[in-house]
Amino acid sequence: MKQDYTSVENIYIVCGKTDMRKGMDGLATLIQDSFKLDPYSDSIFLFAGRSKDRYKCLYFA
């Protein structure tokens, strides 16, 4: 299944190390508490792990 992300309003790259054991709910809570942003808005959030070989993307369509 292909997605067209060209119409996404914002793309945020979260700097620093993120605990990659967190699931979707944990990452959404991190966005709300730490950055005071709405994770359910038309935005993509990108997270990197400690070793920088794994990435997670949070996007609610």
PDB file of N, CA and C in Angstrom:
ATOM      1  N   MET A   1       0.841  -1.171   0.000  1.00  0.00           N
ATOM      2  CA  MET A   1       0.000   0.000   0.000  1.00  0.00           C
ATOM      3  C   MET A   1       0.892   1.241   0.000  1.00  0.00           C
ATOM      4  N   LYS A   2       0.699   2.087  -0.960  1.00  0.00           N
ATOM      5  CA  LYS A   2       1.475   3.317  -1.063  1.00  0.00           C
ATOM      6  C   LYS A   2       0.696   4.476  -0.470  1.00  0.00           C
ATOM      7  N   GLN A   3       1.416   5.390   0.117  1.00  0.00           N
ATOM      8  CA  GLN A   3       0.828   6.592   0.691  1.00  0.00           C
ATOM      9  C   GLN A   3       1.444   7.811   0.019  1.00  0.00           C
ATOM     10  N   ASP A   4       0.640   8.845  -0.156  1.00  0.00           N
ATOM     11  CA  ASP A   4       1.121  10.106  -0.698  1.00  0.00           C
ATOM     12  C   ASP A   4       1.253  11.095   0.457  1.00  0.00           C
ATOM     13  N   TYR A   5       2.496  11.413   0.824  1.00  0.00           N
ATOM     14  CA  TYR A   5       2.754  12.297   1.958  1.00  0.00           C
ATOM     15  C   TYR A   5       3.076  13.725   1.518  1.00  0.00           C
ATOM     16  N   THR A   6       2.845  14.070   0.286  1.00  0.00           N
ATOM     17  CA  THR A   6       3.171  15.409  -0.193  1.00  0.00           C
ATOM     18  C   THR A   6       2.235  16.474   0.368  1.00  0.00           C
ATOM     19  N   SER A   7       1.083  16.074   0.852  1.00  0.00           N
ATOM     20  CA  SER A   7       0.134  17.066   1.382  1.00  0.00           C
ATOM     21  C   SER A   7       0.229  17.211   2.903  1.00  0.00           C
ATOM     22  N   VAL A   8       1.200  16.565   3.534  1.00  0.00           N
ATOM     23  CA  VAL A   8       1.362  16.668   4.994  1.00  0.00           C
ATOM     24  C   VAL A   8       1.784  18.089   5.348  1.00  0.00           C
ATOM     25  N   GLU A   9       1.152  18.632   6.372  1.00  0.00           N
ATOM     26  CA  GLU A   9       1.384  20.028   6.742  1.00  0.00           C
ATOM     27  C   GLU A   9       2.765  20.252   7.361  1.00  0.00           C
ATOM     28  N   ASN A  10       3.180  19.407   8.317  1.00  0.00           N
ATOM     29  CA  ASN A  10       4.455  19.581   9.013  1.00  0.00           C
ATOM     30  C   ASN A  10       5.189  18.253   9.126  1.00  0.00           C
ATOM     31  N   ILE A  11       6.525  18.326   9.129  1.00  0.00           N
ATOM     32  CA  ILE A  11       7.373  17.173   9.402  1.00  0.00           C
ATOM     33  C   ILE A  11       8.333  17.594  10.507  1.00  0.00           C
ATOM     34  N   TYR A  12       8.295  16.861  11.622  1.00  0.00           N
ATOM     35  CA  TYR A  12       9.153  17.157  12.763  1.00  0.00           C
ATOM     36  C   TYR A  12      10.169  16.038  12.919  1.00  0.00           C
ATOM     37  N   ILE A  13      11.441  16.396  13.092  1.00  0.00           N
ATOM     38  CA  ILE A  13      12.495  15.440  13.389  1.00  0.00           C
ATOM     39  C   ILE A  13      12.865  15.646  14.853  1.00  0.00           C
ATOM     40  N   VAL A  14      12.639  14.633  15.657  1.00  0.00           N
ATOM     41  CA  VAL A  14      12.901  14.726  17.091  1.00  0.00           C
ATOM     42  C   VAL A  14      14.385  14.458  17.309  1.00  0.00           C
ATOM     43  N   CYS A  15      15.101  15.457  17.785  1.00  0.00           N
ATOM     44  CA  CYS A  15      16.544  15.339  18.012  1.00  0.00           C
ATOM     45  C   CYS A  15      16.808  14.623  19.329  1.00  0.00           C
ATOM     46  N   GLY A  16      17.911  13.942  19.385  1.00  0.00           N
ATOM     47  CA  GLY A  16      18.272  13.207  20.590  1.00  0.00           C
ATOM     48  C   GLY A  16      17.944  11.742  20.455  1.00  0.00           C
ATOM     49  N   LYS A  17      18.138  11.021  21.551  1.00  0.00           N
ATOM     50  CA  LYS A  17      17.923   9.578  21.558  1.00  0.00           C
ATOM     51  C   LYS A  17      16.530   9.276  22.093  1.00  0.00           C
ATOM     52  N   THR A  18      15.811   8.451  21.375  1.00  0.00           N
ATOM     53  CA  THR A  18      14.475   8.055  21.770  1.00  0.00           C
ATOM     54  C   THR A  18      14.488   6.587  22.160  1.00  0.00           C
ATOM     55  N   ASP A  19      13.785   6.248  23.215  1.00  0.00           N
ATOM     56  CA  ASP A  19      13.651   4.854  23.630  1.00  0.00           C
ATOM     57  C   ASP A  19      12.793   4.140  22.585  1.00  0.00           C
ATOM     58  N   MET A  20      13.416   3.280  21.801  1.00  0.00           N
ATOM     59  CA  MET A  20      12.713   2.628  20.704  1.00  0.00           C
ATOM     60  C   MET A  20      11.787   1.509  21.184  1.00  0.00           C
ATOM     61  N   ARG A  21      11.753   1.243  22.483  1.00  0.00           N
ATOM     62  CA  ARG A  21      10.810   0.263  23.017  1.00  0.00           C
ATOM     63  C   ARG A  21       9.417   0.854  23.141  1.00  0.00           C
ATOM     64  N   LYS A  22       9.302   2.172  23.040  1.00  0.00           N
ATOM     65  CA  LYS A  22       7.999   2.828  23.150  1.00  0.00           C
ATOM     66  C   LYS A  22       7.157   2.509  21.920  1.00  0.00           C
ATOM     67  N   GLY A  23       5.888   2.326  22.165  1.00  0.00           N
ATOM     68  CA  GLY A  23       4.949   2.078  21.085  1.00  0.00           C
ATOM     69  C   GLY A  23       4.318   3.384  20.611  1.00  0.00           C
ATOM     70  N   MET A  24       3.260   3.241  19.857  1.00  0.00           N
ATOM     71  CA  MET A  24       2.580   4.411  19.297  1.00  0.00           C
ATOM     72  C   MET A  24       2.041   5.328  20.398  1.00  0.00           C
ATOM     73  N   ASP A  25       1.441   4.743  21.419  1.00  0.00           N
ATOM     74  CA  ASP A  25       0.871   5.554  22.502  1.00  0.00           C
ATOM     75  C   ASP A  25       1.957   6.271  23.298  1.00  0.00           C
ATOM     76  N   GLY A  26       3.068   5.603  23.543  1.00  0.00           N
ATOM     77  CA  GLY A  26       4.169   6.215  24.277  1.00  0.00           C
ATOM     78  C   GLY A  26       4.795   7.371  23.518  1.00  0.00           C
ATOM     79  N   LEU A  27       4.941   7.210  22.210  1.00  0.00           N
ATOM     80  CA  LEU A  27       5.494   8.294  21.395  1.00  0.00           C
ATOM     81  C   LEU A  27       4.523   9.468  21.304  1.00  0.00           C
ATOM     82  N   ALA A  28       3.224   9.167  21.205  1.00  0.00           N
ATOM     83  CA  ALA A  28       2.218  10.241  21.168  1.00  0.00           C
ATOM     84  C   ALA A  28       2.216  11.020  22.478  1.00  0.00           C
ATOM     85  N   THR A  29       2.373  10.331  23.601  1.00  0.00           N
ATOM     86  CA  THR A  29       2.448  10.997  24.899  1.00  0.00           C
ATOM     87  C   THR A  29       3.703  11.849  24.992  1.00  0.00           C
ATOM     88  N   LEU A  30       4.821  11.354  24.465  1.00  0.00           N
ATOM     89  CA  LEU A  30       6.067  12.123  24.448  1.00  0.00           C
ATOM     90  C   LEU A  30       5.894  13.422  23.670  1.00  0.00           C
ATOM     91  N   ILE A  31       5.221  13.371  22.560  1.00  0.00           N
ATOM     92  CA  ILE A  31       4.986  14.559  21.734  1.00  0.00           C
ATOM     93  C   ILE A  31       4.116  15.561  22.482  1.00  0.00           C
ATOM     94  N   GLN A  32       3.076  15.066  23.139  1.00  0.00           N
ATOM     95  CA  GLN A  32       2.177  15.957  23.867  1.00  0.00           C
ATOM     96  C   GLN A  32       2.858  16.589  25.073  1.00  0.00           C
ATOM     97  N   ASP A  33       3.567  15.795  25.855  1.00  0.00           N
ATOM     98  CA  ASP A  33       4.143  16.293  27.104  1.00  0.00           C
ATOM     99  C   ASP A  33       5.405  17.126  26.889  1.00  0.00           C
ATOM    100  N   SER A  34       6.310  16.649  26.056  1.00  0.00           N
ATOM    101  CA  SER A  34       7.608  17.307  25.901  1.00  0.00           C
ATOM    102  C   SER A  34       7.571  18.487  24.934  1.00  0.00           C
ATOM    103  N   PHE A  35       6.821  18.345  23.866  1.00  0.00           N
ATOM    104  CA  PHE A  35       6.859  19.363  22.811  1.00  0.00           C
ATOM    105  C   PHE A  35       5.591  20.194  22.718  1.00  0.00           C
ATOM    106  N   LYS A  36       4.584  19.845  23.505  1.00  0.00           N
ATOM    107  CA  LYS A  36       3.305  20.584  23.526  1.00  0.00           C
ATOM    108  C   LYS A  36       2.689  20.680  22.125  1.00  0.00           C
ATOM    109  N   LEU A  37       2.773  19.568  21.382  1.00  0.00           N
ATOM    110  CA  LEU A  37       2.195  19.496  20.043  1.00  0.00           C
ATOM    111  C   LEU A  37       1.090  18.446  20.036  1.00  0.00           C
ATOM    112  N   ASP A  38       0.211  18.533  19.061  1.00  0.00           N
ATOM    113  CA  ASP A  38      -0.868  17.569  18.901  1.00  0.00           C
ATOM    114  C   ASP A  38      -0.399  16.456  17.967  1.00  0.00           C
ATOM    115  N   PRO A  39      -0.219  15.227  18.460  1.00  0.00           N
ATOM    116  CA  PRO A  39       0.254  14.154  17.584  1.00  0.00           C
ATOM    117  C   PRO A  39      -0.785  13.710  16.560  1.00  0.00           C
ATOM    118  N   TYR A  40      -2.034  14.102  16.745  1.00  0.00           N
ATOM    119  CA  TYR A  40      -3.095  13.716  15.832  1.00  0.00           C
ATOM    120  C   TYR A  40      -3.331  14.754  14.739  1.00  0.00           C
ATOM    121  N   SER A  41      -2.518  15.801  14.718  1.00  0.00           N
ATOM    122  CA  SER A  41      -2.635  16.805  13.665  1.00  0.00           C
ATOM    123  C   SER A  41      -2.037  16.242  12.378  1.00  0.00           C
ATOM    124  N   ASP A  42      -2.121  16.982  11.329  1.00  0.00           N
ATOM    125  CA  ASP A  42      -1.602  16.538  10.028  1.00  0.00           C
ATOM    126  C   ASP A  42      -0.088  16.737   9.995  1.00  0.00           C
ATOM    127  N   SER A  43       0.632  15.917  10.781  1.00  0.00           N
ATOM    128  CA  SER A  43       2.079  16.048  10.915  1.00  0.00           C
ATOM    129  C   SER A  43       2.726  14.668  10.964  1.00  0.00           C
ATOM    130  N   ILE A  44       3.979  14.627  10.547  1.00  0.00           N
ATOM    131  CA  ILE A  44       4.794  13.422  10.641  1.00  0.00           C
ATOM    132  C   ILE A  44       5.878  13.695  11.679  1.00  0.00           C
ATOM    133  N   PHE A  45       6.087  12.741  12.580  1.00  0.00           N
ATOM    134  CA  PHE A  45       7.118  12.846  13.607  1.00  0.00           C
ATOM    135  C   PHE A  45       8.117  11.716  13.400  1.00  0.00           C
ATOM    136  N   LEU A  46       9.403  12.056  13.295  1.00  0.00           N
ATOM    137  CA  LEU A  46      10.456  11.074  13.063  1.00  0.00           C
ATOM    138  C   LEU A  46      11.334  10.961  14.310  1.00  0.00           C
ATOM    139  N   PHE A  47      11.613   9.741  14.722  1.00  0.00           N
ATOM    140  CA  PHE A  47      12.409   9.455  15.915  1.00  0.00           C
ATOM    141  C   PHE A  47      13.580   8.564  15.539  1.00  0.00           C
ATOM    142  N   ALA A  48      14.732   8.770  16.185  1.00  0.00           N
ATOM    143  CA  ALA A  48      15.916   7.926  15.977  1.00  0.00           C
ATOM    144  C   ALA A  48      16.290   7.269  17.296  1.00  0.00           C
ATOM    145  N   GLY A  49      16.832   6.058  17.202  1.00  0.00           N
ATOM    146  CA  GLY A  49      17.273   5.338  18.385  1.00  0.00           C
ATOM    147  C   GLY A  49      18.689   5.721  18.775  1.00  0.00           C
ATOM    148  N   ARG A  50      19.194   5.050  19.798  1.00  0.00           N
ATOM    149  CA  ARG A  50      20.514   5.354  20.331  1.00  0.00           C
ATOM    150  C   ARG A  50      21.611   5.079  19.304  1.00  0.00           C
ATOM    151  N   SER A  51      21.536   3.957  18.615  1.00  0.00           N
ATOM    152  CA  SER A  51      22.612   3.591  17.688  1.00  0.00           C
ATOM    153  C   SER A  51      22.402   4.163  16.286  1.00  0.00           C
ATOM    154  N   LYS A  52      21.353   4.913  16.079  1.00  0.00           N
ATOM    155  CA  LYS A  52      21.046   5.597  14.815  1.00  0.00           C
ATOM    156  C   LYS A  52      20.875   4.640  13.630  1.00  0.00           C
ATOM    157  N   ASP A  53      20.630   3.357  13.917  1.00  0.00           N
ATOM    158  CA  ASP A  53      20.377   2.423  12.832  1.00  0.00           C
ATOM    159  C   ASP A  53      18.902   2.042  12.744  1.00  0.00           C
ATOM    160  N   ARG A  54      18.096   2.593  13.656  1.00  0.00           N
ATOM    161  CA  ARG A  54      16.662   2.338  13.634  1.00  0.00           C
ATOM    162  C   ARG A  54      15.906   3.659  13.752  1.00  0.00           C
ATOM    163  N   TYR A  55      14.824   3.728  13.012  1.00  0.00           N
ATOM    164  CA  TYR A  55      13.999   4.937  13.020  1.00  0.00           C
ATOM    165  C   TYR A  55      12.540   4.540  13.174  1.00  0.00           C
ATOM    166  N   LYS A  56      11.771   5.430  13.749  1.00  0.00           N
ATOM    167  CA  LYS A  56      10.317   5.252  13.833  1.00  0.00           C
ATOM    168  C   LYS A  56       9.657   6.511  13.320  1.00  0.00           C
ATOM    169  N   CYS A  57       8.537   6.297  12.698  1.00  0.00           N
ATOM    170  CA  CYS A  57       7.761   7.405  12.143  1.00  0.00           C
ATOM    171  C   CYS A  57       6.363   7.324  12.744  1.00  0.00           C
ATOM    172  N   LEU A  58       5.853   8.436  13.213  1.00  0.00           N
ATOM    173  CA  LEU A  58       4.511   8.495  13.782  1.00  0.00           C
ATOM    174  C   LEU A  58       3.667   9.410  12.914  1.00  0.00           C
ATOM    175  N   TYR A  59       2.596   8.853  12.360  1.00  0.00           N
ATOM    176  CA  TYR A  59       1.691   9.624  11.506  1.00  0.00           C
ATOM    177  C   TYR A  59       0.300   9.019  11.630  1.00  0.00           C
ATOM    178  N   PHE A  60      -0.658   9.833  12.020  1.00  0.00           N
ATOM    179  CA  PHE A  60      -2.035   9.381  12.118  1.00  0.00           C
ATOM    180  C   PHE A  60      -2.793   9.881  10.898  1.00  0.00           C
ATOM    181  N   ALA A  61      -3.247   8.968  10.091  1.00  0.00           N
ATOM    182  CA  ALA A  61      -3.972   9.329   8.860  1.00  0.00           C
ATOM    183  C   ALA A  61      -5.447   9.452   9.119  1.00  0.00           C
TER     184      ALA A  61
END
